[in-house]
Amino acid sequence: MQNKKKLIILFSFFYFGFSGCLLSQNRISHNLITINYSHLQNISANSFFQNKMTVEKDYKVAGRKFEIFFEKDNNVFCGKKLSASKEIKVDTLYTISKDSLMMTFPDYHLEGYQLKNIVYAYLKDNIPGYGILDGKNKFKYKIDKSLIKIVYEQITHKYIKRKSTKYYFILDSKNLNIVDFKKL
């Protein structure tokens, strides 16, 4: 009898707990895309830019990157997929007004690796003896209307001594041309 009560309590706990998880899932769809999400949150244009530029270390393994899922009614829906399956599941679905995004970051489909490739190509062509694989690379991004400011730091370790070289770039986000370059 005591075991039966424990079993009923345990069963009801799992039933209500699991049904609560299912009810907390929300859905939004557009054309053939359906997204299941737990939280819906507005994101600022600067946060959108920072998330779009940075690639997390687990991206190659887990395939999670910040991406745009679709645009609907002057809103952009974006986030990070929880899994690499056909159905899109996210913990937090971010939305931003397309108008505010266009004012701050006109070319919002731009990816971080595209900017890195521009920086690497410029340094390879203009700095004698520059090598990408010489050390650890750090990028910091900032956006101001149609200008993207990049601080690129290359850290090398020769023997025990650590050497850091910084480069400062300003790119025009409309045509991805380098407007200004300085070696700091």
N, C-alpha and C. Protein backbone atom coordinates (compact mmCIF):
# COMPACT_ATOMS: atom_id res chain seq x y z
N MET A 1 0.82 -1.20 0.00
CA MET A 1 0.00 0.00 0.00
C MET A 1 0.87 1.26 0.00
N GLN A 2 1.90 1.24 0.84
CA GLN A 2 2.80 2.39 0.94
C GLN A 2 3.53 2.60 -0.39
N ASN A 3 3.94 1.51 -1.02
CA ASN A 3 4.63 1.60 -2.31
C ASN A 3 3.70 2.12 -3.39
N LYS A 4 2.43 1.74 -3.30
CA LYS A 4 1.44 2.20 -4.28
C LYS A 4 1.25 3.71 -4.19
N LYS A 5 1.22 4.26 -2.98
CA LYS A 5 1.09 5.70 -2.78
C LYS A 5 2.31 6.43 -3.32
N LYS A 6 3.49 5.88 -3.03
CA LYS A 6 4.72 6.49 -3.54
C LYS A 6 4.74 6.48 -5.07
N LEU A 7 4.28 5.38 -5.65
CA LEU A 7 4.24 5.27 -7.10
C LEU A 7 3.26 6.27 -7.71
N ILE A 8 2.10 6.42 -7.09
CA ILE A 8 1.09 7.38 -7.58
C ILE A 8 1.62 8.81 -7.46
N ILE A 9 2.25 9.13 -6.34
CA ILE A 9 2.82 10.47 -6.14
C ILE A 9 3.93 10.72 -7.15
N LEU A 10 4.79 9.75 -7.34
CA LEU A 10 5.89 9.88 -8.30
C LEU A 10 5.36 10.04 -9.72
N PHE A 11 4.36 9.24 -10.08
CA PHE A 11 3.76 9.33 -11.40
C PHE A 11 3.11 10.70 -11.62
N SER A 12 2.35 11.18 -10.64
CA SER A 12 1.69 12.48 -10.80
C SER A 12 2.72 13.61 -10.85
N PHE A 13 3.81 13.48 -10.10
CA PHE A 13 4.86 14.49 -10.14
C PHE A 13 5.46 14.58 -11.55
N PHE A 14 5.81 13.44 -12.12
CA PHE A 14 6.38 13.43 -13.47
C PHE A 14 5.36 13.88 -14.52
N TYR A 15 4.11 13.47 -14.36
CA TYR A 15 3.08 13.85 -15.33
C TYR A 15 2.88 15.36 -15.36
N PHE A 16 2.69 15.97 -14.18
CA PHE A 16 2.47 17.41 -14.13
C PHE A 16 3.74 18.19 -14.46
N GLY A 17 4.87 17.66 -14.06
CA GLY A 17 6.14 18.32 -14.40
C GLY A 17 6.40 18.31 -15.88
N PHE A 18 6.16 17.16 -16.53
CA PHE A 18 6.39 17.05 -17.96
C PHE A 18 5.37 17.87 -18.75
N SER A 19 4.11 17.84 -18.34
CA SER A 19 3.10 18.62 -19.05
C SER A 19 3.36 20.12 -18.88
N GLY A 20 3.92 20.53 -17.74
CA GLY A 20 4.29 21.93 -17.55
C GLY A 20 5.38 22.35 -18.50
N CYS A 21 6.33 21.43 -18.76
CA CYS A 21 7.41 21.73 -19.72
C CYS A 21 6.84 21.87 -21.12
N LEU A 22 5.89 21.02 -21.46
CA LEU A 22 5.30 21.10 -22.80
C LEU A 22 4.49 22.37 -22.98
N LEU A 23 3.78 22.78 -21.92
CA LEU A 23 2.97 23.99 -22.03
C LEU A 23 3.82 25.25 -22.08
N SER A 24 5.05 25.18 -21.54
CA SER A 24 5.89 26.37 -21.53
C SER A 24 6.54 26.61 -22.89
N GLN A 25 6.48 25.65 -23.78
CA GLN A 25 7.04 25.81 -25.12
C GLN A 25 6.08 26.64 -25.96
N ASN A 26 6.61 27.66 -26.61
CA ASN A 26 5.83 28.50 -27.50
C ASN A 26 6.28 28.23 -28.92
N ARG A 27 5.45 28.59 -29.87
CA ARG A 27 5.78 28.37 -31.27
C ARG A 27 5.50 29.62 -32.07
N ILE A 28 6.33 29.80 -33.09
CA ILE A 28 6.08 30.84 -34.07
C ILE A 28 6.46 30.25 -35.41
N SER A 29 5.67 30.54 -36.42
CA SER A 29 5.98 30.00 -37.74
C SER A 29 5.85 31.05 -38.82
N HIS A 30 6.62 30.80 -39.86
CA HIS A 30 6.61 31.68 -41.04
C HIS A 30 6.99 30.80 -42.23
N ASN A 31 6.15 30.78 -43.23
CA ASN A 31 6.33 29.91 -44.39
C ASN A 31 6.51 28.47 -43.92
N LEU A 32 7.63 27.86 -44.17
CA LEU A 32 7.85 26.47 -43.79
C LEU A 32 8.69 26.32 -42.52
N ILE A 33 9.00 27.42 -41.86
CA ILE A 33 9.84 27.39 -40.67
C ILE A 33 8.98 27.50 -39.42
N THR A 34 9.18 26.59 -38.48
CA THR A 34 8.52 26.65 -37.18
C THR A 34 9.60 26.63 -36.11
N ILE A 35 9.48 27.55 -35.18
CA ILE A 35 10.47 27.66 -34.11
C ILE A 35 9.76 27.43 -32.78
N ASN A 36 10.31 26.52 -31.99
CA ASN A 36 9.85 26.29 -30.63
C ASN A 36 10.79 27.02 -29.69
N TYR A 37 10.24 27.81 -28.78
CA TYR A 37 11.07 28.59 -27.88
C TYR A 37 10.44 28.65 -26.49
N SER A 38 11.29 28.91 -25.50
CA SER A 38 10.82 29.04 -24.12
C SER A 38 10.61 30.50 -23.74
N HIS A 39 11.50 31.38 -24.23
CA HIS A 39 11.44 32.79 -23.88
C HIS A 39 11.51 33.63 -25.16
N LEU A 40 10.80 34.72 -25.16
CA LEU A 40 10.84 35.69 -26.25
C LEU A 40 11.37 37.00 -25.68
N GLN A 41 12.42 37.54 -26.31
CA GLN A 41 13.07 38.72 -25.75
C GLN A 41 13.48 39.67 -26.87
N ASN A 42 13.31 40.96 -26.63
CA ASN A 42 13.81 41.97 -27.56
C ASN A 42 15.31 42.11 -27.34
N ILE A 43 16.03 42.42 -28.42
CA ILE A 43 17.47 42.58 -28.35
C ILE A 43 17.84 43.92 -28.97
N SER A 44 18.86 44.55 -28.43
CA SER A 44 19.30 45.84 -28.99
C SER A 44 20.13 45.59 -30.24
N ALA A 45 20.28 46.62 -31.05
CA ALA A 45 21.06 46.50 -32.27
C ALA A 45 22.52 46.22 -31.97
N ASN A 46 23.06 46.83 -30.92
CA ASN A 46 24.45 46.59 -30.55
C ASN A 46 24.66 45.15 -30.08
N SER A 47 23.74 44.63 -29.28
CA SER A 47 23.84 43.23 -28.83
C SER A 47 23.70 42.28 -30.01
N PHE A 48 22.80 42.60 -30.93
CA PHE A 48 22.65 41.79 -32.14
C PHE A 48 23.98 41.75 -32.89
N PHE A 49 24.61 42.91 -33.06
CA PHE A 49 25.88 43.00 -33.78
C PHE A 49 26.96 42.17 -33.08
N GLN A 50 27.08 42.31 -31.75
CA GLN A 50 28.10 41.57 -31.01
C GLN A 50 27.88 40.06 -31.13
N ASN A 51 26.64 39.62 -31.02
CA ASN A 51 26.34 38.19 -31.14
C ASN A 51 26.61 37.67 -32.55
N LYS A 52 26.33 38.50 -33.53
CA LYS A 52 26.54 38.10 -34.92
C LYS A 52 28.02 37.99 -35.27
N MET A 53 28.84 38.83 -34.66
CA MET A 53 30.27 38.84 -34.97
C MET A 53 31.06 37.75 -34.26
N THR A 54 30.67 37.41 -33.05
CA THR A 54 31.46 36.43 -32.30
C THR A 54 31.01 35.01 -32.63
N VAL A 55 31.99 34.16 -32.76
CA VAL A 55 31.74 32.74 -32.98
C VAL A 55 32.27 32.01 -31.75
N GLU A 56 31.39 31.28 -31.11
CA GLU A 56 31.79 30.59 -29.89
C GLU A 56 32.67 29.38 -30.20
N LYS A 57 33.45 28.98 -29.21
CA LYS A 57 34.39 27.89 -29.40
C LYS A 57 33.70 26.56 -29.71
N ASP A 58 32.48 26.36 -29.21
CA ASP A 58 31.80 25.09 -29.45
C ASP A 58 31.05 25.05 -30.78
N TYR A 59 31.20 26.08 -31.62
CA TYR A 59 30.45 26.12 -32.87
C TYR A 59 30.78 24.94 -33.78
N LYS A 60 32.06 24.60 -33.92
CA LYS A 60 32.44 23.52 -34.82
C LYS A 60 31.92 22.17 -34.33
N VAL A 61 31.81 21.99 -33.03
CA VAL A 61 31.35 20.73 -32.47
C VAL A 61 29.82 20.69 -32.43
N ALA A 62 29.23 21.71 -31.82
CA ALA A 62 27.78 21.70 -31.60
C ALA A 62 27.00 22.35 -32.73
N GLY A 63 27.65 23.15 -33.55
CA GLY A 63 26.95 23.82 -34.65
C GLY A 63 26.06 24.96 -34.20
N ARG A 64 26.33 25.51 -33.02
CA ARG A 64 25.48 26.59 -32.50
C ARG A 64 26.12 27.93 -32.81
N LYS A 65 25.41 28.71 -33.56
CA LYS A 65 25.85 30.08 -33.80
C LYS A 65 24.62 30.97 -33.82
N PHE A 66 24.83 32.23 -33.61
CA PHE A 66 23.75 33.20 -33.61
C PHE A 66 23.35 33.43 -35.06
N GLU A 67 22.10 33.18 -35.39
CA GLU A 67 21.67 33.31 -36.78
C GLU A 67 20.28 33.91 -36.88
N ILE A 68 20.00 34.44 -38.05
CA ILE A 68 18.68 34.98 -38.35
C ILE A 68 17.82 33.85 -38.89
N PHE A 69 16.67 33.63 -38.28
CA PHE A 69 15.79 32.56 -38.73
C PHE A 69 14.86 33.04 -39.85
N PHE A 70 14.19 34.18 -39.61
CA PHE A 70 13.35 34.77 -40.65
C PHE A 70 12.99 36.20 -40.28
N GLU A 71 12.43 36.91 -41.26
CA GLU A 71 11.96 38.28 -41.07
C GLU A 71 10.47 38.31 -41.37
N LYS A 72 9.72 38.96 -40.48
CA LYS A 72 8.27 38.99 -40.63
C LYS A 72 7.73 40.28 -40.04
N ASP A 73 6.91 40.99 -40.79
CA ASP A 73 6.23 42.21 -40.30
C ASP A 73 7.21 43.21 -39.67
N ASN A 74 8.27 43.55 -40.37
CA ASN A 74 9.27 44.51 -39.93
C ASN A 74 10.01 44.06 -38.66
N ASN A 75 9.99 42.77 -38.36
CA ASN A 75 10.74 42.22 -37.24
C ASN A 75 11.70 41.16 -37.75
N VAL A 76 12.85 41.08 -37.10
CA VAL A 76 13.83 40.05 -37.42
C VAL A 76 13.86 39.10 -36.23
N PHE A 77 13.71 37.79 -36.50
CA PHE A 77 13.71 36.77 -35.47
C PHE A 77 15.03 36.01 -35.55
N CYS A 78 15.75 35.93 -34.42
CA CYS A 78 17.07 35.33 -34.43
C CYS A 78 17.35 34.63 -33.10
N GLY A 79 18.44 33.88 -33.06
CA GLY A 79 18.85 33.19 -31.85
C GLY A 79 19.85 32.11 -32.15
N LYS A 80 20.09 31.24 -31.16
CA LYS A 80 21.00 30.11 -31.30
C LYS A 80 20.20 28.82 -31.17
N LYS A 81 20.34 27.96 -32.16
CA LYS A 81 19.66 26.67 -32.12
C LYS A 81 20.22 25.82 -30.99
N LEU A 82 19.34 25.07 -30.32
CA LEU A 82 19.79 24.16 -29.28
C LEU A 82 20.35 22.88 -29.87
N SER A 83 19.83 22.48 -31.01
CA SER A 83 20.31 21.27 -31.65
C SER A 83 20.33 21.47 -33.15
N ALA A 84 21.07 20.62 -33.81
CA ALA A 84 21.20 20.72 -35.27
C ALA A 84 20.20 19.80 -35.96
N SER A 85 18.97 19.83 -35.54
CA SER A 85 17.94 18.99 -36.16
C SER A 85 17.13 19.82 -37.15
N LYS A 86 16.20 19.14 -37.82
CA LYS A 86 15.37 19.82 -38.82
C LYS A 86 14.43 20.83 -38.16
N GLU A 87 13.91 20.47 -36.99
CA GLU A 87 13.02 21.37 -36.26
C GLU A 87 13.86 22.35 -35.45
N ILE A 88 13.53 23.61 -35.49
CA ILE A 88 14.32 24.63 -34.80
C ILE A 88 13.81 24.77 -33.37
N LYS A 89 14.72 24.55 -32.42
CA LYS A 89 14.41 24.73 -31.00
C LYS A 89 15.44 25.69 -30.44
N VAL A 90 14.94 26.71 -29.75
CA VAL A 90 15.81 27.68 -29.09
C VAL A 90 15.31 27.89 -27.67
N ASP A 91 16.23 28.25 -26.80
CA ASP A 91 15.82 28.60 -25.44
C ASP A 91 15.20 29.99 -25.46
N THR A 92 15.93 30.95 -26.04
CA THR A 92 15.44 32.32 -26.13
C THR A 92 15.39 32.74 -27.59
N LEU A 93 14.23 33.16 -28.04
CA LEU A 93 14.07 33.69 -29.38
C LEU A 93 14.14 35.21 -29.27
N TYR A 94 15.08 35.81 -29.98
CA TYR A 94 15.28 37.25 -29.93
C TYR A 94 14.58 37.91 -31.10
N THR A 95 14.00 39.08 -30.83
CA THR A 95 13.38 39.87 -31.89
C THR A 95 13.95 41.28 -31.85
N ILE A 96 13.99 41.88 -33.03
CA ILE A 96 14.44 43.27 -33.14
C ILE A 96 13.71 43.89 -34.31
N SER A 97 13.40 45.15 -34.15
CA SER A 97 12.75 45.89 -35.22
C SER A 97 13.74 46.08 -36.37
N LYS A 98 13.30 45.81 -37.57
CA LYS A 98 14.19 45.91 -38.73
C LYS A 98 14.62 47.36 -38.96
N ASP A 99 13.76 48.32 -38.66
CA ASP A 99 14.10 49.73 -38.83
C ASP A 99 15.24 50.15 -37.91
N SER A 100 15.17 49.77 -36.63
CA SER A 100 16.25 50.14 -35.70
C SER A 100 17.54 49.39 -36.04
N LEU A 101 17.41 48.19 -36.53
CA LEU A 101 18.59 47.42 -36.94
C LEU A 101 19.25 48.05 -38.16
N MET A 102 18.46 48.52 -39.11
CA MET A 102 19.00 49.14 -40.32
C MET A 102 19.70 50.46 -40.01
N MET A 103 19.23 51.20 -39.02
CA MET A 103 19.87 52.47 -38.65
C MET A 103 21.26 52.23 -38.06
N THR A 104 21.41 51.19 -37.24
CA THR A 104 22.67 50.93 -36.58
C THR A 104 23.58 50.01 -37.38
N PHE A 105 23.03 48.98 -37.97
CA PHE A 105 23.81 47.95 -38.64
C PHE A 105 23.16 47.63 -39.98
N PRO A 106 23.41 48.48 -41.01
CA PRO A 106 22.71 48.34 -42.29
C PRO A 106 22.89 46.97 -42.96
N ASP A 107 24.08 46.41 -42.90
CA ASP A 107 24.33 45.11 -43.52
C ASP A 107 24.29 44.03 -42.45
N TYR A 108 23.09 43.79 -41.90
CA TYR A 108 22.96 42.91 -40.75
C TYR A 108 23.11 41.43 -41.08
N HIS A 109 23.23 41.07 -42.34
CA HIS A 109 23.48 39.68 -42.71
C HIS A 109 24.96 39.34 -42.69
N LEU A 110 25.79 40.32 -42.40
CA LEU A 110 27.24 40.15 -42.37
C LEU A 110 27.64 39.22 -41.22
N GLU A 111 28.61 38.35 -41.47
CA GLU A 111 29.11 37.41 -40.47
C GLU A 111 30.50 37.82 -39.99
N GLY A 112 30.88 37.40 -38.81
CA GLY A 112 32.16 37.74 -38.22
C GLY A 112 33.35 37.22 -39.02
N TYR A 113 33.21 36.01 -39.58
CA TYR A 113 34.33 35.45 -40.33
C TYR A 113 34.64 36.27 -41.58
N GLN A 114 33.65 36.95 -42.16
CA GLN A 114 33.89 37.79 -43.34
C GLN A 114 34.79 38.97 -42.98
N LEU A 115 34.54 39.58 -41.82
CA LEU A 115 35.40 40.68 -41.37
C LEU A 115 36.81 40.19 -41.05
N LYS A 116 36.91 39.03 -40.42
CA LYS A 116 38.23 38.48 -40.11
C LYS A 116 39.02 38.23 -41.39
N ASN A 117 38.37 37.70 -42.41
CA ASN A 117 39.06 37.43 -43.67
C ASN A 117 39.56 38.71 -44.32
N ILE A 118 38.79 39.80 -44.22
CA ILE A 118 39.22 41.09 -44.76
C ILE A 118 40.44 41.60 -44.01
N VAL A 119 40.42 41.50 -42.68
CA VAL A 119 41.55 41.93 -41.86
C VAL A 119 42.79 41.12 -42.17
N TYR A 120 42.65 39.79 -42.23
CA TYR A 120 43.80 38.93 -42.52
C TYR A 120 44.39 39.23 -43.90
N ALA A 121 43.54 39.40 -44.90
CA ALA A 121 44.02 39.67 -46.26
C ALA A 121 44.75 41.02 -46.31
N TYR A 122 44.22 42.03 -45.64
CA TYR A 122 44.86 43.34 -45.64
C TYR A 122 46.23 43.28 -44.97
N LEU A 123 46.31 42.62 -43.83
CA LEU A 123 47.58 42.52 -43.12
C LEU A 123 48.60 41.70 -43.91
N LYS A 124 48.16 40.65 -44.54
CA LYS A 124 49.06 39.82 -45.34
C LYS A 124 49.65 40.61 -46.50
N ASP A 125 48.84 41.47 -47.12
CA ASP A 125 49.29 42.25 -48.27
C ASP A 125 50.13 43.47 -47.87
N ASN A 126 49.88 44.05 -46.69
CA ASN A 126 50.50 45.33 -46.33
C ASN A 126 51.53 45.29 -45.20
N ILE A 127 51.60 44.24 -44.43
CA ILE A 127 52.56 44.15 -43.33
C ILE A 127 53.57 43.05 -43.67
N PRO A 128 54.83 43.43 -43.89
CA PRO A 128 55.83 42.41 -44.23
C PRO A 128 56.05 41.43 -43.07
N GLY A 129 56.10 40.15 -43.39
CA GLY A 129 56.35 39.12 -42.38
C GLY A 129 55.16 38.76 -41.53
N TYR A 130 53.97 39.26 -41.87
CA TYR A 130 52.78 38.94 -41.07
C TYR A 130 52.34 37.50 -41.37
N GLY A 131 52.01 36.77 -40.31
CA GLY A 131 51.49 35.42 -40.45
C GLY A 131 50.32 35.21 -39.51
N ILE A 132 49.24 34.63 -40.02
CA ILE A 132 48.04 34.41 -39.20
C ILE A 132 48.31 33.41 -38.10
N LEU A 133 49.10 32.40 -38.39
CA LEU A 133 49.30 31.30 -37.45
C LEU A 133 50.41 31.57 -36.44
N ASP A 134 50.89 32.78 -36.36
CA ASP A 134 52.00 33.10 -35.47
C ASP A 134 51.61 33.14 -33.99
N GLY A 135 50.36 33.18 -33.67
CA GLY A 135 49.98 33.27 -32.26
C GLY A 135 48.48 33.23 -32.07
N LYS A 136 48.07 33.70 -30.92
CA LYS A 136 46.65 33.76 -30.57
C LYS A 136 46.08 35.07 -31.08
N ASN A 137 44.89 35.02 -31.65
CA ASN A 137 44.26 36.20 -32.23
C ASN A 137 43.02 36.58 -31.43
N LYS A 138 42.89 37.87 -31.12
CA LYS A 138 41.70 38.39 -30.42
C LYS A 138 41.10 39.52 -31.26
N PHE A 139 39.79 39.49 -31.39
CA PHE A 139 39.08 40.53 -32.11
C PHE A 139 38.09 41.19 -31.16
N LYS A 140 38.01 42.52 -31.25
CA LYS A 140 36.97 43.29 -30.55
C LYS A 140 36.29 44.15 -31.59
N TYR A 141 34.96 44.12 -31.58
CA TYR A 141 34.18 44.83 -32.58
C TYR A 141 33.33 45.91 -31.92
N LYS A 142 33.12 46.97 -32.67
CA LYS A 142 32.21 48.03 -32.24
C LYS A 142 31.60 48.61 -33.51
N ILE A 143 30.33 48.96 -33.44
CA ILE A 143 29.66 49.51 -34.63
C ILE A 143 29.12 50.89 -34.30
N ASP A 144 29.24 51.78 -35.28
CA ASP A 144 28.71 53.13 -35.17
C ASP A 144 28.12 53.48 -36.52
N LYS A 145 26.80 53.36 -36.60
CA LYS A 145 26.05 53.56 -37.85
C LYS A 145 26.62 52.66 -38.94
N SER A 146 27.25 53.20 -39.96
CA SER A 146 27.73 52.35 -41.04
C SER A 146 29.23 52.07 -40.95
N LEU A 147 29.85 52.38 -39.81
CA LEU A 147 31.28 52.12 -39.63
C LEU A 147 31.48 51.02 -38.59
N ILE A 148 32.31 50.05 -38.95
CA ILE A 148 32.64 48.96 -38.03
C ILE A 148 34.08 49.18 -37.58
N LYS A 149 34.26 49.27 -36.27
CA LYS A 149 35.60 49.47 -35.70
C LYS A 149 36.09 48.14 -35.15
N ILE A 150 37.29 47.76 -35.56
CA ILE A 150 37.86 46.48 -35.17
C ILE A 150 39.22 46.71 -34.52
N VAL A 151 39.41 46.14 -33.36
CA VAL A 151 40.73 46.11 -32.73
C VAL A 151 41.16 44.64 -32.78
N TYR A 152 42.22 44.40 -33.52
CA TYR A 152 42.75 43.05 -33.69
C TYR A 152 44.06 42.96 -32.94
N GLU A 153 44.14 42.00 -32.02
CA GLU A 153 45.35 41.82 -31.25
C GLU A 153 45.92 40.44 -31.54
N GLN A 154 47.20 40.44 -31.92
CA GLN A 154 47.90 39.19 -32.17
C GLN A 154 48.92 38.99 -31.06
N ILE A 155 48.78 37.89 -30.34
CA ILE A 155 49.66 37.60 -29.21
C ILE A 155 50.55 36.43 -29.59
N THR A 156 51.86 36.65 -29.53
CA THR A 156 52.81 35.58 -29.83
C THR A 156 53.68 35.31 -28.62
N HIS A 157 54.11 34.10 -28.50
CA HIS A 157 55.02 33.67 -27.43
C HIS A 157 56.29 33.15 -28.09
N LYS A 158 57.35 33.91 -27.98
CA LYS A 158 58.63 33.46 -28.47
C LYS A 158 59.47 33.11 -27.26
N TYR A 159 59.78 31.84 -27.16
CA TYR A 159 60.47 31.31 -25.99
C TYR A 159 59.60 31.59 -24.77
N ILE A 160 60.02 32.43 -23.86
CA ILE A 160 59.22 32.73 -22.67
C ILE A 160 58.58 34.09 -22.80
N LYS A 161 59.11 34.92 -23.64
CA LYS A 161 58.64 36.30 -23.78
C LYS A 161 57.33 36.37 -24.57
N ARG A 162 56.42 37.16 -24.06
CA ARG A 162 55.12 37.36 -24.72
C ARG A 162 55.15 38.69 -25.45
N LYS A 163 54.69 38.68 -26.69
CA LYS A 163 54.65 39.89 -27.50
C LYS A 163 53.23 40.09 -28.01
N SER A 164 52.75 41.31 -27.89
CA SER A 164 51.40 41.64 -28.35
C SER A 164 51.48 42.78 -29.36
N THR A 165 50.81 42.57 -30.48
CA THR A 165 50.73 43.60 -31.51
C THR A 165 49.25 43.88 -31.78
N LYS A 166 48.87 45.17 -31.75
CA LYS A 166 47.48 45.55 -31.98
C LYS A 166 47.37 46.33 -33.29
N TYR A 167 46.28 46.06 -33.98
CA TYR A 167 45.95 46.77 -35.21
C TYR A 167 44.54 47.32 -35.07
N TYR A 168 44.34 48.50 -35.58
CA TYR A 168 43.04 49.18 -35.48
C TYR A 168 42.51 49.41 -36.90
N PHE A 169 41.31 48.93 -37.16
CA PHE A 169 40.68 49.07 -38.47
C PHE A 169 39.34 49.77 -38.34
N ILE A 170 39.00 50.55 -39.35
CA ILE A 170 37.64 51.07 -39.50
C ILE A 170 37.18 50.64 -40.89
N LEU A 171 36.07 49.92 -40.94
CA LEU A 171 35.51 49.43 -42.19
C LEU A 171 34.16 50.07 -42.44
N ASP A 172 33.86 50.32 -43.70
CA ASP A 172 32.54 50.78 -44.10
C ASP A 172 31.68 49.54 -44.28
N SER A 173 30.59 49.42 -43.53
CA SER A 173 29.79 48.20 -43.57
C SER A 173 29.00 48.05 -44.87
N LYS A 174 28.85 49.11 -45.63
CA LYS A 174 28.07 49.02 -46.87
C LYS A 174 28.85 48.30 -47.98
N ASN A 175 30.15 48.63 -48.11
CA ASN A 175 30.93 48.02 -49.18
C ASN A 175 32.14 47.24 -48.67
N LEU A 176 32.33 47.17 -47.35
CA LEU A 176 33.40 46.45 -46.67
C LEU A 176 34.79 46.91 -47.09
N ASN A 177 34.93 48.20 -47.39
CA ASN A 177 36.24 48.79 -47.67
C ASN A 177 36.85 49.30 -46.38
N ILE A 178 38.16 49.21 -46.28
CA ILE A 178 38.87 49.71 -45.12
C ILE A 178 39.03 51.22 -45.25
N VAL A 179 38.47 51.95 -44.30
CA VAL A 179 38.50 53.41 -44.31
C VAL A 179 39.76 53.91 -43.60
N ASP A 180 40.14 53.24 -42.50
CA ASP A 180 41.29 53.68 -41.72
C ASP A 180 42.00 52.46 -41.15
N PHE A 181 43.32 52.54 -41.06
CA PHE A 181 44.14 51.48 -40.49
C PHE A 181 45.29 52.07 -39.70
N LYS A 182 45.52 51.54 -38.49
CA LYS A 182 46.64 51.98 -37.67
C LYS A 182 47.23 50.77 -36.97
N LYS A 183 48.53 50.78 -36.84
CA LYS A 183 49.21 49.79 -36.02
C LYS A 183 49.47 50.45 -34.67
N LEU A 184 48.90 49.92 -33.63
CA LEU A 184 49.03 50.53 -32.30
C LEU A 184 50.23 50.02 -31.56
